[in-house]
């Protein structure tokens, strides 16, 4: 009987995990504002008020987080796409 090969993780799953890893690396206060605005759909002023910070500070934090996310995901793309060309099968 021939061995069945399955790809362990799809590119989408790898990307999702990379995003989660970057967001988890943010300091707690940065993560809170980022998640509230980008994932929960709150307006910046609402999230700033909830966290007792100024809107300006909230915007600066979001900008820092987004720059880090973009930078880290560029590195992820460089390292991942070359390894995706070499699939990692799981023999069952």
Protein backbone atom coordinates (compact mmCIF):
# COMPACT_ATOMS: atom_id res chain seq x y z
CA UNK A 1 0.00 0.00 0.00
CA UNK A 2 1.36 3.46 -0.95
CA UNK A 3 2.04 6.00 1.76
CA UNK A 4 -0.36 8.93 1.97
CA UNK A 5 1.28 12.35 2.18
CA UNK A 6 -0.49 15.31 3.73
CA UNK A 7 0.81 18.82 4.04
CA UNK A 8 1.09 19.50 7.77
CA UNK A 9 0.25 23.22 7.60
CA UNK A 10 -1.21 25.25 4.78
CA UNK A 11 0.31 28.62 3.84
CA UNK A 12 -2.78 30.35 5.23
CA UNK A 13 -2.37 28.60 8.59
CA UNK A 14 1.30 29.55 8.68
CA UNK A 15 0.46 33.18 7.93
CA UNK A 16 -2.27 33.26 10.58
CA UNK A 17 0.12 31.84 13.15
CA UNK A 18 2.80 34.36 12.17
CA UNK A 19 0.34 37.24 12.69
CA UNK A 20 -0.69 35.85 16.08
CA UNK A 21 2.96 35.49 17.09
CA UNK A 22 3.73 39.11 16.15
CA UNK A 23 0.68 40.45 17.98
CA UNK A 24 1.58 38.40 21.06
CA UNK A 25 5.05 39.96 21.00
CA UNK A 26 3.59 43.46 21.47
CA UNK A 27 3.72 44.95 24.97
CA UNK A 28 0.38 44.38 26.73
CA UNK A 29 -0.82 47.99 26.36
CA UNK A 30 0.06 47.98 22.66
CA UNK A 31 -1.63 44.63 22.13
CA UNK A 32 -4.81 45.84 23.81
CA UNK A 33 -5.16 48.92 21.62
CA UNK A 34 -4.22 46.98 18.46
CA UNK A 35 -6.70 44.18 19.10
CA UNK A 36 -9.52 46.54 20.05
CA UNK A 37 -9.11 48.65 16.92
CA UNK A 38 -7.99 46.12 14.30
CA UNK A 39 -9.85 42.98 15.44
CA UNK A 40 -12.79 44.16 17.51
CA UNK A 41 -13.65 47.08 15.25
CA UNK A 42 -13.59 49.83 17.86
CA UNK A 43 -12.80 53.34 16.79
CA UNK A 44 -9.43 54.69 17.90
CA UNK A 45 -11.01 57.27 20.20
CA UNK A 46 -13.19 54.62 21.86
CA UNK A 47 -10.26 52.29 22.47
CA UNK A 48 -8.13 55.18 23.76
CA UNK A 49 -10.85 56.20 26.20
CA UNK A 50 -11.29 52.59 27.38
CA UNK A 51 -7.55 52.33 28.04
CA UNK A 52 -7.32 55.82 29.54
CA UNK A 53 -4.80 57.14 27.00
CA UNK A 54 -4.95 60.03 24.54
CA UNK A 55 -6.11 59.51 20.98
CA UNK A 56 -2.72 60.74 19.79
CA UNK A 57 -0.95 58.11 21.90
CA UNK A 58 -3.32 55.42 20.65
CA UNK A 59 -2.59 56.37 17.04
CA UNK A 60 1.15 56.32 17.70
CA UNK A 61 0.89 52.88 19.28
CA UNK A 62 -1.12 51.58 16.31
CA UNK A 63 1.45 52.96 13.91
CA UNK A 64 4.30 51.27 15.83
CA UNK A 65 2.40 47.97 15.92
CA UNK A 66 1.58 48.09 12.22
CA UNK A 67 5.19 48.87 11.29
CA UNK A 68 6.39 45.91 13.37
CA UNK A 69 3.75 43.64 11.88
CA UNK A 70 4.70 44.63 8.33
CA UNK A 71 8.42 44.26 9.02
CA UNK A 72 8.04 40.86 10.68
CA UNK A 73 5.67 39.54 8.02
CA UNK A 74 8.10 40.57 5.27
CA UNK A 75 10.70 38.43 6.99
CA UNK A 76 8.14 35.63 7.39
CA UNK A 77 7.39 35.75 3.66
CA UNK A 78 11.08 35.58 2.77
CA UNK A 79 11.72 32.59 4.99
CA UNK A 80 8.44 30.77 4.40
CA UNK A 81 8.06 30.90 0.65
CA UNK A 82 11.43 29.32 0.07
CA UNK A 83 10.56 26.52 2.50
CA UNK A 84 7.09 26.05 0.97
CA UNK A 85 8.78 25.14 -2.28
CA UNK A 86 10.06 22.15 -0.35
CA UNK A 87 6.85 20.63 1.05
CA UNK A 88 7.00 18.86 4.35
CA UNK A 89 4.88 15.73 3.83
CA UNK A 90 3.56 13.65 6.66
CA UNK A 91 3.65 9.96 5.81
CA UNK A 92 0.71 8.07 7.22
